[in-house]
Amino acid sequence: MSLQIDPLTKTTQNIKNGVMLNAYPDSIGKTMHDMIEMLKKPEFKDVFSLFYVLPTFFNSDLDRGFSIIDYNLNKDLVSEKNLQDLEALNIMLKFDIVLNHLSVASPQFKDLLKHGDNSVYKAFFIDWNAFWEGNGVMGDDGVIIPSEAFLNKLFMRKSGLPILKVRFPDGSERPYWNTFYQDIQYQKINPNDLNAINGLSSENVEKICEKVNQAIEQKTDIKTLDLGKNNSFKPQIIDLLDRKKFYLGQMDVNANSPLVWRFYEETLKKLSNFGCKILRLDAFAYLHKEIGQANFFNKPGTWEYLERIKQIADKNNLVILPEIHAEYGMGLHDEVANQGYPIYDFFLPGLMIHTLETGSKIALESWVNEIINKGYKTVNMLGCHDGIPVLDLKGKNLDGTYHEGLLTDDEIENIMNTIMNRGGRVKNLYDPAGNKISYYQINATFFSALGENEQKLVLARAIQMFMPGIPQVWYLDLFAGKNNYEAADSGGSGGHKEINRTTLSQADIDEGLTKMVVLKQLEIMRLRNTFPAFQGQLTINKTDGETIDWKWNQEGYVAQLKANLKTYQFTIKHIDSNKKPLTIIN
């Protein structure tokens, strides 16, 4: 059964039974070609209708694709032939546009670094000092510290001010807004580099090079380096190092600039031409910035920007999927859905783990009933390229009142402790002073988070396939991937995420396809992807607290899941429109 997007309403109304693969272009083998070879195998026939390809599909340099250089094909990983092959397999594409930022290596930011104040892209990015001028105090390091009342409102994704200081052609350093990742790499020096500094003896030159290069290797702050009797030369040496340093960073764009919106227009048209049908708006809630606001989902500015993006998307026949992580108690998911947008179900992963670990369906079915009763259009997942969300499940204090979460703080703590005891890693949020204020997500494969219990994983997949919304499947979870501690330990900044990004070889795929834990998942996913019942209505039947009984109906077609949450045993029955029982999966 082919999956269709309504070209008139541009909603996901008709995307109900299509299963979505989620992977990097090189998650299988070395390039997208190897992924396509996997999808051509008979075991994968009719399993997927959609493919969410992560943004190393494009040219990027940091945060595994989410620091975009440009939205052209990354020809090291992807070819035009790959796109044609996916179309032949009836697999439609979902991409990201990273609305909030671009790479330091983007043509726009490189032009700024080259031409400084004379760059046509000077206003394309956000000069931190210019933004906060008159609303803070200049620090000794040349960076304005916003007034306390403003600073305390800022929603931070990392410790310290969200800036990256970059060198302009005139030798000045300017702080630019940098909400997410950055990396500054100093280049080692040799004696020839110091020849232009008068007064240095050859003996001193050798010692300085040795000390400086050792500091670079150890990632010591160069400005704190003690050169002893050669400290008088330190400003010149630092200037040399600054001129040679190499930046990586995701630089926030200035949505007040017409050039930014022209860039969005060009990009959405390009992605549509690549075959994109669904466009995930990554980090869109950070785009609107205003003094005195949290600068995360500012209102009404965020809504105004989202409407502008939607108008561009409509012209290019794209369904847009706003991506937002926030506490359930804030109700932002409800606000986004009420505006007519599909939403990401970041609540399901934590709820699934809670359900299987406690044997209680109460919290999970409460969320499912909310989806049904409020008519949410969702994309759900168990694992993904990022982490297992936990902050999303929390309640929130709003206007002096407490809005309940999907789980209590104690229940969330139990999930976190369980996953961490099984080898998970934690990602935190910080206040402006660098103090941890909240857990954000836990990094682990979903299989390892479940204690590497195969029956739990298959049941989790069955429940996901019976959830309302579009089920998105992380490639590694399909193959019961385990935590990759070596990759996490060697991954540098953000390395905790590499625990769940292991590349699989064709040999790994062939071996996986001999295992029941993989074949059962594929069987259940194929049913969801093709069986007409899943285009209909879901009914949650009343049972005892440890039993699930969910039934989909559509014009006589029926699919029913019954599961015991204590034993992890389940059956799936499906019946065609002539009341003829089909295969029973158990």
Protein backbone atom coordinates (compact mmCIF):
# COMPACT_ATOMS: atom_id res chain seq x y z
CA MET A 1 0.00 0.00 0.00
CA SER A 2 1.56 3.31 -1.00
CA LEU A 3 1.72 6.15 1.47
CA GLN A 4 0.42 9.52 0.28
CA ILE A 5 0.71 13.10 1.49
CA ASP A 6 -2.34 15.24 0.82
CA PRO A 7 -1.02 17.88 -1.63
CA LEU A 8 -3.85 20.28 -0.80
CA THR A 9 -3.79 20.45 2.98
CA LYS A 10 -0.07 19.78 3.44
CA THR A 11 -0.83 17.86 6.63
CA THR A 12 0.06 14.37 7.76
CA GLN A 13 -3.61 13.38 7.81
CA ASN A 14 -3.03 10.52 5.36
CA ILE A 15 0.33 9.43 6.78
CA LYS A 16 -0.94 6.95 9.31
CA ASN A 17 0.55 3.57 8.57
CA GLY A 18 3.89 4.42 6.98
CA VAL A 19 6.98 3.33 8.92
CA MET A 20 10.01 5.63 8.83
CA LEU A 21 13.65 4.54 8.88
CA ASN A 22 16.02 6.88 10.71
CA ALA A 23 19.76 6.78 10.00
CA TYR A 24 22.80 8.63 8.73
CA PRO A 25 23.74 8.09 5.09
CA ASP A 26 26.70 6.02 6.28
CA SER A 27 25.06 4.17 9.18
CA ILE A 28 25.23 1.00 7.09
CA GLY A 29 28.58 0.37 5.42
CA LYS A 30 30.33 3.46 4.09
CA THR A 31 27.84 5.38 1.94
CA MET A 32 24.15 5.68 1.15
CA HIS A 33 24.67 3.01 -1.51
CA ASP A 34 25.23 0.42 1.22
CA MET A 35 22.05 1.49 3.02
CA ILE A 36 20.08 1.09 -0.20
CA GLU A 37 21.56 -2.37 -0.77
CA MET A 38 20.21 -3.33 2.67
CA LEU A 39 16.77 -1.94 1.82
CA LYS A 40 16.72 -4.01 -1.38
CA LYS A 41 17.03 -7.25 0.58
CA PRO A 42 13.83 -9.36 0.59
CA GLU A 43 13.57 -9.10 4.38
CA PHE A 44 13.02 -5.35 4.01
CA LYS A 45 10.36 -5.51 1.32
CA ASP A 46 7.44 -3.21 2.26
CA VAL A 47 8.91 -2.44 5.70
CA PHE A 48 9.53 1.30 5.18
CA SER A 49 7.66 4.05 3.34
CA LEU A 50 9.78 6.92 4.64
CA PHE A 51 13.44 7.56 5.35
CA TYR A 52 14.55 10.31 7.72
CA VAL A 53 18.12 10.88 6.54
CA LEU A 54 20.19 12.79 9.05
CA PRO A 55 22.00 15.89 7.80
CA THR A 56 25.42 14.47 7.00
CA PHE A 57 23.42 14.03 3.79
CA PHE A 58 24.50 17.65 3.30
CA ASN A 59 27.90 19.29 3.72
CA SER A 60 28.58 19.75 7.43
CA ASP A 61 31.44 19.72 9.92
CA LEU A 62 30.30 19.37 13.56
CA ASP A 63 27.66 17.75 15.76
CA ARG A 64 27.38 14.86 13.28
CA GLY A 65 25.65 16.91 10.60
CA PHE A 66 23.76 19.54 12.55
CA SER A 67 26.39 22.18 11.83
CA ILE A 68 25.52 22.78 8.18
CA ILE A 69 28.05 24.27 5.79
CA ASP A 70 25.59 24.23 2.90
CA TYR A 71 22.57 22.22 1.76
CA ASN A 72 24.24 20.63 -1.25
CA LEU A 73 24.67 16.87 -1.46
CA ASN A 74 27.60 15.52 0.52
CA LYS A 75 29.06 13.67 -2.45
CA ASP A 76 31.35 11.62 -0.21
CA LEU A 77 28.23 9.86 1.09
CA VAL A 78 25.31 10.51 -1.27
CA SER A 79 24.75 10.53 -5.05
CA GLU A 80 21.91 11.48 -7.36
CA LYS A 81 21.63 7.77 -8.20
CA ASN A 82 20.87 7.06 -4.52
CA LEU A 83 17.89 9.41 -4.67
CA GLN A 84 16.60 7.67 -7.78
CA ASP A 85 16.98 4.26 -6.12
CA LEU A 86 15.00 5.36 -3.06
CA GLU A 87 12.24 6.67 -5.28
CA ALA A 88 12.16 3.32 -7.07
CA LEU A 89 11.73 1.63 -3.68
CA ASN A 90 8.72 3.92 -2.98
CA ILE A 91 10.55 5.43 -0.02
CA MET A 92 9.97 9.13 0.51
CA LEU A 93 12.44 11.41 2.26
CA LYS A 94 12.42 13.49 5.39
CA PHE A 95 15.21 16.00 5.96
CA ASP A 96 16.24 18.56 8.52
CA ILE A 97 16.62 22.25 8.07
CA VAL A 98 18.62 23.63 10.97
CA LEU A 99 16.84 26.96 11.32
CA ASN A 100 18.80 28.42 14.22
CA HIS A 101 22.37 28.14 13.02
CA LEU A 102 24.96 27.55 10.33
CA SER A 103 28.56 26.39 10.50
CA VAL A 104 31.52 28.71 10.91
CA ALA A 105 32.62 27.11 7.63
CA SER A 106 29.45 28.17 5.80
CA PRO A 107 30.03 30.55 2.88
CA GLN A 108 28.17 33.25 4.83
CA PHE A 109 30.30 33.09 7.98
CA LYS A 110 33.54 32.66 6.04
CA ASP A 111 32.70 35.87 4.19
CA LEU A 112 32.19 37.59 7.55
CA LEU A 113 35.58 36.39 8.81
CA LYS A 114 37.26 37.49 5.60
CA HIS A 115 35.67 40.92 5.18
CA GLY A 116 34.66 41.80 8.74
CA ASP A 117 32.53 44.92 9.01
CA ASN A 118 32.48 45.18 5.20
CA SER A 119 30.91 41.73 4.74
CA VAL A 120 27.48 41.61 3.09
CA TYR A 121 26.70 38.94 5.73
CA LYS A 122 27.59 41.10 8.73
CA ALA A 123 23.95 41.11 9.87
CA PHE A 124 23.35 37.47 8.86
CA PHE A 125 24.68 36.35 12.25
CA ILE A 126 24.24 37.82 15.75
CA ASP A 127 26.98 40.04 17.14
CA TRP A 128 26.52 39.39 20.88
CA ASN A 129 27.80 42.80 21.98
CA ALA A 130 25.68 44.66 19.45
CA PHE A 131 22.61 42.71 20.54
CA TRP A 132 23.08 43.47 24.25
CA GLU A 133 24.44 47.00 23.92
CA GLY A 134 22.93 49.20 26.62
CA ASN A 135 21.54 46.19 28.47
CA GLY A 136 24.59 44.90 30.30
CA VAL A 137 28.14 45.58 31.44
CA MET A 138 31.28 45.11 29.37
CA GLY A 139 33.51 42.45 30.94
CA ASP A 140 37.29 42.44 31.06
CA ASP A 141 37.33 39.98 28.16
CA GLY A 142 35.48 42.39 25.87
CA VAL A 143 32.15 40.57 26.14
CA ILE A 144 29.00 42.25 27.43
CA ILE A 145 27.46 40.46 30.40
CA PRO A 146 23.69 41.05 30.23
CA SER A 147 22.00 42.64 33.22
CA GLU A 148 21.08 40.08 35.86
CA ALA A 149 17.35 40.37 35.21
CA PHE A 150 17.93 39.49 31.54
CA LEU A 151 20.65 36.92 32.15
CA ASN A 152 18.55 34.92 34.59
CA LYS A 153 15.83 34.49 31.97
CA LEU A 154 18.10 32.96 29.33
CA PHE A 155 17.54 29.29 28.54
CA MET A 156 21.01 27.74 28.23
CA ARG A 157 22.13 24.61 26.41
CA LYS A 158 25.69 24.71 27.78
CA SER A 159 27.63 26.30 30.63
CA GLY A 160 28.80 29.91 30.27
CA LEU A 161 27.60 32.58 27.89
CA PRO A 162 26.46 31.23 24.50
CA ILE A 163 29.18 32.90 22.44
CA LEU A 164 32.15 32.15 20.22
CA LYS A 165 34.78 34.90 19.89
CA VAL A 166 36.08 35.14 16.34
CA ARG A 167 38.91 37.20 14.90
CA PHE A 168 38.09 39.96 12.40
CA PRO A 169 40.53 41.14 9.71
CA ASP A 170 41.43 44.20 11.79
CA GLY A 171 42.73 41.93 14.57
CA SER A 172 39.78 42.54 16.91
CA GLU A 173 37.87 39.66 18.46
CA ARG A 174 34.10 39.77 18.25
CA PRO A 175 31.72 37.56 20.28
CA TYR A 176 28.99 35.97 18.13
CA TRP A 177 25.94 34.15 19.45
CA ASN A 178 26.60 30.39 19.63
CA THR A 179 23.83 28.45 21.42
CA PHE A 180 25.15 24.96 20.73
CA TYR A 181 28.51 23.38 19.95
CA GLN A 182 31.86 25.02 19.32
CA ASP A 183 35.50 24.00 19.15
CA ILE A 184 38.59 26.19 18.83
CA GLN A 185 41.70 24.45 17.57
CA TYR A 186 45.07 26.16 17.84
CA GLN A 187 47.71 25.16 15.31
CA LYS A 188 51.15 24.19 16.55
CA ILE A 189 53.99 26.57 15.80
CA ASN A 190 57.59 26.09 14.70
CA PRO A 191 60.67 28.33 15.07
CA ASN A 192 60.13 29.86 11.63
CA ASP A 193 56.77 31.23 12.80
CA LEU A 194 58.56 33.30 15.46
CA ASN A 195 61.23 34.81 13.20
CA ALA A 196 59.30 38.05 12.86
CA ILE A 197 59.46 38.71 16.62
CA ASN A 198 62.51 40.87 17.33
CA GLY A 199 64.61 40.10 20.39
CA LEU A 200 64.05 36.35 20.59
CA SER A 201 67.20 34.23 20.59
CA SER A 202 67.20 30.89 18.79
CA GLU A 203 67.45 29.14 22.17
CA ASN A 204 64.38 30.99 23.45
CA VAL A 205 62.49 30.27 20.24
CA GLU A 206 62.97 26.52 20.69
CA LYS A 207 61.80 26.64 24.32
CA ILE A 208 58.77 28.79 23.50
CA CYS A 209 57.69 26.47 20.67
CA GLU A 210 58.02 23.44 22.94
CA LYS A 211 55.99 25.03 25.75
CA VAL A 212 53.30 26.44 23.45
CA ASN A 213 52.87 23.20 21.51
CA GLN A 214 52.65 21.22 24.73
CA ALA A 215 49.88 23.57 25.92
CA ILE A 216 48.02 23.09 22.62
CA GLU A 217 48.24 19.30 22.98
CA GLN A 218 46.93 19.48 26.56
CA LYS A 219 44.21 22.00 25.56
CA THR A 220 45.49 24.50 28.13
CA ASP A 221 44.23 28.08 27.84
CA ILE A 222 46.99 29.76 25.86
CA LYS A 223 46.34 33.11 27.52
CA THR A 224 47.27 31.66 30.94
CA LEU A 225 50.56 30.23 29.69
CA ASP A 226 53.61 31.32 31.73
CA LEU A 227 56.62 31.89 29.46
CA GLY A 228 58.85 33.03 32.32
CA LYS A 229 61.42 35.58 31.25
CA ASN A 230 59.86 35.60 27.78
CA ASN A 231 56.47 36.80 29.01
CA SER A 232 57.10 40.21 27.43
CA PHE A 233 56.76 38.49 24.03
CA LYS A 234 53.52 36.81 25.02
CA PRO A 235 51.13 39.32 23.33
CA GLN A 236 52.89 38.84 19.99
CA ILE A 237 52.89 35.06 20.37
CA ILE A 238 49.19 35.01 21.25
CA ASP A 239 48.46 37.25 18.26
CA LEU A 240 50.31 34.74 16.06
CA LEU A 241 48.32 31.84 17.52
CA ASP A 242 45.04 33.71 17.13
CA ARG A 243 45.76 34.37 13.49
CA LYS A 244 46.38 30.67 12.90
CA LYS A 245 43.57 29.18 15.02
CA PHE A 246 40.81 27.15 13.46
CA TYR A 247 37.15 27.47 14.45
CA LEU A 248 34.31 25.00 14.52
CA GLY A 249 30.95 26.22 15.66
CA GLN A 250 27.21 26.38 15.06
CA MET A 251 26.63 30.12 14.72
CA ASP A 252 23.13 31.44 15.41
CA VAL A 253 21.61 33.29 12.48
CA ASN A 254 19.87 36.63 12.77
CA ALA A 255 16.26 36.13 11.71
CA ASN A 256 15.83 39.92 11.51
CA SER A 257 18.00 39.85 8.39
CA PRO A 258 16.21 39.63 5.01
CA LEU A 259 19.19 37.62 3.76
CA VAL A 260 18.38 34.85 6.23
CA TRP A 261 14.84 34.52 4.89
CA ARG A 262 16.12 34.56 1.32
CA PHE A 263 18.42 31.71 2.37
CA TYR A 264 15.45 29.78 3.78
CA GLU A 265 13.55 30.30 0.52
CA GLU A 266 16.45 28.92 -1.52
CA THR A 267 17.03 26.01 0.84
CA LEU A 268 13.44 24.74 0.99
CA LYS A 269 13.22 24.82 -2.79
CA LYS A 270 16.48 22.86 -3.03
CA LEU A 271 15.34 20.22 -0.52
CA SER A 272 12.04 19.78 -2.33
CA ASN A 273 13.98 19.16 -5.53
CA PHE A 274 15.96 16.45 -3.71
CA GLY A 275 12.67 14.66 -3.04
CA CYS A 276 11.93 15.88 0.45
CA LYS A 277 8.30 15.43 1.58
CA ILE A 278 8.60 16.08 5.31
CA LEU A 279 10.87 18.77 6.69
CA ARG A 280 11.91 18.68 10.32
CA LEU A 281 12.58 22.15 11.73
CA ASP A 282 15.57 21.58 13.97
CA ALA A 283 16.12 24.05 16.83
CA PHE A 284 13.40 26.37 15.53
CA ALA A 285 12.41 27.41 19.06
CA TYR A 286 15.78 29.15 19.52
CA LEU A 287 15.49 31.25 16.35
CA HIS A 288 13.55 34.22 17.71
CA LYS A 289 15.67 36.31 20.06
CA GLU A 290 14.63 39.35 22.05
CA ILE A 291 16.05 41.19 25.07
CA GLY A 292 14.15 40.28 28.21
CA GLN A 293 12.99 36.91 26.85
CA ALA A 294 14.18 33.36 27.53
CA ASN A 295 15.17 33.18 23.85
CA PHE A 296 13.63 29.74 23.73
CA PHE A 297 10.15 29.72 22.20
CA ASN A 298 9.64 33.46 22.62
CA LYS A 299 6.02 34.43 22.06
CA PRO A 300 4.59 35.64 19.79
CA GLY A 301 7.82 35.87 17.79
CA THR A 302 8.32 32.12 17.43
CA TRP A 303 4.80 31.69 16.09
CA GLU A 304 5.35 34.48 13.57
CA TYR A 305 8.56 32.87 12.32
CA LEU A 306 6.91 29.46 12.15
CA GLU A 307 4.10 30.86 10.01
CA ARG A 308 6.64 32.44 7.65
CA ILE A 309 8.43 29.11 7.30
CA LYS A 310 5.12 27.33 6.69
CA GLN A 311 4.27 29.69 3.85
CA ILE A 312 7.61 28.88 2.19
CA ALA A 313 7.04 25.17 2.79
CA ASP A 314 3.57 25.28 1.27
CA LYS A 315 4.99 26.73 -1.94
CA ASN A 316 7.36 23.76 -2.11
CA ASN A 317 4.82 21.04 -1.19
CA LEU A 318 6.56 20.26 2.10
CA VAL A 319 5.00 19.10 5.37
CA ILE A 320 6.85 20.81 8.23
CA LEU A 321 7.52 19.12 11.54
CA PRO A 322 8.61 21.53 14.29
CA GLU A 323 11.12 19.92 16.66
CA ILE A 324 10.91 20.99 20.28
CA HIS A 325 12.13 19.57 23.57
CA ALA A 326 10.28 20.97 26.59
CA GLU A 327 8.66 19.74 29.77
CA TYR A 328 5.23 18.23 29.26
CA GLY A 329 3.94 20.59 31.96
CA MET A 330 4.78 23.62 29.82
CA GLY A 331 2.19 22.49 27.29
CA LEU A 332 4.24 23.60 24.27
CA HIS A 333 3.45 20.35 22.46
CA ASP A 334 -0.22 21.21 22.83
CA GLU A 335 0.30 24.76 21.56
CA VAL A 336 2.19 23.56 18.48
CA ALA A 337 -0.45 20.92 17.73
CA ASN A 338 -3.27 23.43 18.17
CA GLN A 339 -1.66 25.55 15.47
CA GLY A 340 -2.17 22.63 13.08
CA TYR A 341 1.39 21.26 13.08
CA PRO A 342 2.42 17.65 13.57
CA ILE A 343 4.61 17.18 16.65
CA TYR A 344 7.44 14.93 17.72
CA ASP A 345 6.44 12.45 20.40
CA PHE A 346 9.52 12.82 22.60
CA PHE A 347 7.49 11.43 25.49
CA LEU A 348 7.22 7.86 24.20
CA PRO A 349 10.81 6.62 24.79
CA GLY A 350 10.77 7.38 28.52
CA LEU A 351 7.18 6.23 28.89
CA MET A 352 8.00 2.93 27.17
CA ILE A 353 10.92 2.24 29.49
CA HIS A 354 8.79 3.16 32.52
CA THR A 355 5.98 0.88 31.27
CA LEU A 356 8.20 -2.15 30.72
CA GLU A 357 10.22 -1.68 33.90
CA THR A 358 7.21 -1.21 36.20
CA GLY A 359 4.70 -3.42 34.40
CA SER A 360 2.16 -0.57 34.56
CA LYS A 361 0.38 0.84 31.52
CA ILE A 362 -1.27 3.79 33.30
CA ALA A 363 1.08 6.57 32.24
CA LEU A 364 1.48 5.26 28.68
CA GLU A 365 -2.24 4.87 28.04
CA SER A 366 -2.91 8.30 29.55
CA TRP A 367 -0.63 9.77 26.88
CA VAL A 368 -2.15 7.64 24.10
CA ASN A 369 -5.64 8.77 25.07
CA GLU A 370 -4.49 12.40 25.00
CA ILE A 371 -3.16 11.92 21.48
CA ILE A 372 -6.46 10.38 20.37
CA ASN A 373 -8.77 12.81 22.19
CA LYS A 374 -6.90 15.93 21.08
CA GLY A 375 -6.25 14.70 17.56
CA TYR A 376 -2.48 15.15 17.68
CA LYS A 377 -0.53 14.25 14.54
CA THR A 378 2.73 12.80 15.81
CA VAL A 379 6.01 11.23 14.79
CA ASN A 380 7.19 8.87 17.51
CA MET A 381 10.36 6.90 18.21
CA LEU A 382 12.08 4.70 20.76
CA GLY A 383 15.74 5.45 20.03
CA CYS A 384 17.22 8.12 17.77
CA HIS A 385 20.48 9.82 16.80
CA ASP A 386 20.35 11.95 19.95
CA GLY A 387 19.34 10.56 23.34
CA ILE A 388 16.46 9.20 25.36
CA PRO A 389 14.52 12.28 26.55
CA VAL A 390 13.75 12.58 30.24
CA LEU A 391 13.26 16.33 30.76
CA ASP A 392 10.25 16.16 28.43
CA LEU A 393 8.31 13.97 30.86
CA LYS A 394 8.41 16.46 33.72
CA GLY A 395 5.80 18.78 35.13
CA LYS A 396 6.40 22.53 35.30
CA ASN A 397 5.70 25.45 37.59
CA LEU A 398 3.78 28.03 35.57
CA ASP A 399 2.40 31.30 36.95
CA GLY A 400 2.66 30.01 40.50
CA THR A 401 0.79 26.78 39.75
CA TYR A 402 2.17 23.33 39.12
CA HIS A 403 1.24 21.57 35.91
CA GLU A 404 1.65 17.81 36.19
CA GLY A 405 4.03 15.84 34.04
CA LEU A 406 3.43 12.50 32.39
CA LEU A 407 5.54 10.97 35.17
CA THR A 408 6.46 12.15 38.65
CA ASP A 409 9.98 13.35 39.40
CA ASP A 410 10.61 10.13 41.35
CA GLU A 411 9.48 8.00 38.42
CA ILE A 412 11.75 9.96 36.07
CA GLU A 413 14.64 9.55 38.51
CA ASN A 414 14.03 5.80 38.52
CA ILE A 415 14.19 5.68 34.71
CA MET A 416 17.45 7.62 34.72
CA ASN A 417 19.02 5.47 37.42
CA THR A 418 17.96 2.29 35.64
CA ILE A 419 19.50 3.36 32.32
CA MET A 420 22.64 4.73 33.95
CA ASN A 421 23.12 1.49 35.90
CA ARG A 422 22.97 -0.24 32.53
CA GLY A 423 25.74 1.96 31.14
CA GLY A 424 23.93 5.08 29.90
CA ARG A 425 25.51 8.54 29.83
CA VAL A 426 23.80 11.76 30.94
CA LYS A 427 23.39 15.11 29.18
CA ASN A 428 22.56 18.08 31.43
CA LEU A 429 21.28 21.66 31.13
CA TYR A 430 23.03 24.60 32.81
CA ASP A 431 22.26 28.05 34.14
CA PRO A 432 24.27 31.11 32.98
CA ALA A 433 26.77 30.59 35.83
CA GLY A 434 27.53 27.09 34.62
CA ASN A 435 25.57 25.26 37.34
CA LYS A 436 23.63 22.15 36.38
CA ILE A 437 19.91 22.82 36.67
CA SER A 438 18.36 19.73 35.09
CA TYR A 439 18.95 16.41 33.40
CA TYR A 440 18.19 16.74 29.71
CA GLN A 441 18.53 13.31 28.18
CA ILE A 442 20.29 9.99 28.65
CA ASN A 443 22.45 8.51 25.94
CA ALA A 444 22.13 4.78 25.41
CA THR A 445 20.88 2.40 22.78
CA PHE A 446 17.28 1.53 23.48
CA PHE A 447 18.22 -2.15 23.68
CA SER A 448 20.83 -1.49 26.36
CA ALA A 449 18.41 0.81 28.19
CA LEU A 450 16.07 -2.21 28.40
CA GLY A 451 18.81 -4.34 29.95
CA GLU A 452 19.53 -5.98 26.57
CA ASN A 453 16.42 -8.11 26.93
CA GLU A 454 15.31 -9.22 23.46
CA GLN A 455 11.70 -9.93 24.42
CA LYS A 456 11.36 -6.46 25.94
CA LEU A 457 12.71 -4.90 22.73
CA VAL A 458 10.30 -6.81 20.48
CA LEU A 459 7.36 -5.90 22.75
CA ALA A 460 8.47 -2.26 22.77
CA ARG A 461 8.52 -2.31 18.97
CA ALA A 462 5.06 -3.90 18.85
CA ILE A 463 3.65 -1.23 21.15
CA GLN A 464 5.31 1.50 19.07
CA MET A 465 3.82 0.08 15.87
CA PHE A 466 0.36 0.27 17.48
CA MET A 467 0.84 3.86 18.66
CA PRO A 468 -0.99 6.63 16.81
CA GLY A 469 1.29 8.67 14.61
CA ILE A 470 4.18 7.89 12.27
CA PRO A 471 6.55 5.35 13.84
CA GLN A 472 10.19 6.24 13.30
CA VAL A 473 12.78 3.47 13.75
CA TRP A 474 16.44 4.02 14.56
CA TYR A 475 18.51 1.61 12.46
CA LEU A 476 20.66 0.43 15.39
CA ASP A 477 17.67 -0.43 17.58
CA LEU A 478 16.28 -2.59 14.78
CA PHE A 479 19.44 -4.69 15.03
CA ALA A 480 19.42 -4.74 18.86
CA GLY A 481 22.53 -2.59 19.01
CA LYS A 482 24.38 -2.35 22.32
CA ASN A 483 26.06 0.64 23.97
CA ASN A 484 29.31 1.56 22.23
CA TYR A 485 31.47 2.79 25.11
CA GLU A 486 34.65 3.06 23.05
CA ALA A 487 32.99 5.47 20.63
CA ALA A 488 31.47 7.48 23.50
CA ASP A 489 34.81 7.78 25.29
CA SER A 490 36.74 8.83 22.21
CA GLY A 491 34.11 11.14 20.73
CA GLY A 492 35.29 14.41 22.31
CA SER A 493 32.71 17.14 22.86
CA GLY A 494 29.31 15.56 22.46
CA GLY A 495 30.91 12.12 22.44
CA HIS A 496 28.25 10.76 24.77
CA LYS A 497 25.95 10.60 21.74
CA GLU A 498 28.27 8.23 19.88
CA ILE A 499 27.21 5.49 22.27
CA ASN A 500 24.20 4.93 19.99
CA ARG A 501 25.63 5.62 16.53
CA THR A 502 27.63 2.50 15.71
CA THR A 503 28.10 1.93 11.99
CA LEU A 504 26.99 -1.53 10.88
CA SER A 505 28.74 -3.46 8.13
CA GLN A 506 27.01 -5.61 5.54
CA ALA A 507 28.27 -8.60 7.55
CA ASP A 508 26.52 -7.19 10.63
CA ILE A 509 23.31 -6.89 8.60
CA ASP A 510 23.55 -10.44 7.29
CA GLU A 511 24.16 -11.77 10.78
CA GLY A 512 21.32 -9.67 12.20
CA LEU A 513 18.89 -11.06 9.65
CA THR A 514 19.42 -14.54 11.12
CA LYS A 515 18.18 -13.42 14.58
CA MET A 516 14.58 -13.62 15.72
CA VAL A 517 14.84 -10.28 17.58
CA VAL A 518 15.44 -8.60 14.21
CA LEU A 519 13.07 -10.69 12.07
CA LYS A 520 10.17 -10.25 14.53
CA GLN A 521 10.60 -6.49 14.47
CA LEU A 522 10.63 -6.47 10.67
CA GLU A 523 7.48 -8.59 10.58
CA ILE A 524 5.61 -6.23 12.91
CA MET A 525 6.86 -3.15 11.05
CA ARG A 526 5.79 -4.58 7.70
CA LEU A 527 2.30 -5.12 9.10
CA ARG A 528 2.14 -1.52 10.28
CA ASN A 529 3.48 -0.23 6.98
CA THR A 530 1.02 -2.09 4.76
CA PHE A 531 -2.12 -3.18 6.63
CA PRO A 532 -5.18 -0.95 6.03
CA ALA A 533 -6.41 -1.15 9.63
CA PHE A 534 -3.72 1.33 10.67
CA GLN A 535 -5.30 4.02 8.52
CA GLY A 536 -8.38 3.88 10.71
CA GLN A 537 -9.14 4.41 14.38
CA LEU A 538 -7.37 3.14 17.48
CA THR A 539 -9.39 1.88 20.44
CA ILE A 540 -7.83 1.38 23.88
CA ASN A 541 -9.75 -1.44 25.53
CA LYS A 542 -10.10 -1.47 29.30
CA THR A 543 -8.06 -4.19 31.02
CA ASP A 544 -6.17 -4.70 34.24
CA GLY A 545 -3.14 -2.47 34.89
CA GLU A 546 -0.53 -4.84 33.51
CA THR A 547 -2.29 -5.82 30.26
CA ILE A 548 -2.49 -3.89 27.01
CA ASP A 549 -5.36 -4.48 24.58
CA TRP A 550 -5.24 -2.06 21.63
CA LYS A 551 -7.26 -2.44 18.44
CA TRP A 552 -7.10 -0.62 15.09
CA ASN A 553 -10.15 -0.70 12.78
CA GLN A 554 -10.61 0.52 9.22
CA GLU A 555 -13.49 -0.58 6.96
CA GLY A 556 -13.54 -4.12 8.29
CA TYR A 557 -9.81 -4.52 8.62
CA VAL A 558 -8.73 -5.13 12.23
CA ALA A 559 -5.33 -5.30 13.94
CA GLN A 560 -5.22 -6.08 17.66
CA LEU A 561 -2.33 -6.14 20.12
CA LYS A 562 -2.64 -7.92 23.46
CA ALA A 563 0.39 -7.81 25.74
CA ASN A 564 1.31 -8.75 29.28
CA LEU A 565 3.65 -6.11 30.72
CA LYS A 566 4.96 -8.44 33.42
CA THR A 567 5.93 -11.39 31.21
CA TYR A 568 6.52 -9.33 28.02
CA GLN A 569 4.52 -11.89 26.04
CA PHE A 570 2.13 -10.60 23.38
CA THR A 571 0.02 -11.56 20.39
CA ILE A 572 -0.97 -9.56 17.31
CA LYS A 573 -4.06 -10.70 15.41
CA HIS A 574 -5.16 -9.12 12.18
CA ILE A 575 -8.28 -9.71 10.17
CA ASP A 576 -9.12 -8.65 6.62
CA SER A 577 -12.36 -6.99 5.52
CA ASN A 578 -13.97 -10.39 4.86
CA LYS A 579 -13.49 -11.35 8.53
CA LYS A 580 -10.79 -13.79 7.48
CA PRO A 581 -8.12 -14.18 10.19
CA LEU A 582 -4.62 -13.58 8.90
CA THR A 583 -1.26 -14.30 10.52
CA ILE A 584 -0.96 -14.21 14.29
CA ILE A 585 2.31 -12.72 15.50
CA ASN A 586 3.50 -13.69 18.96
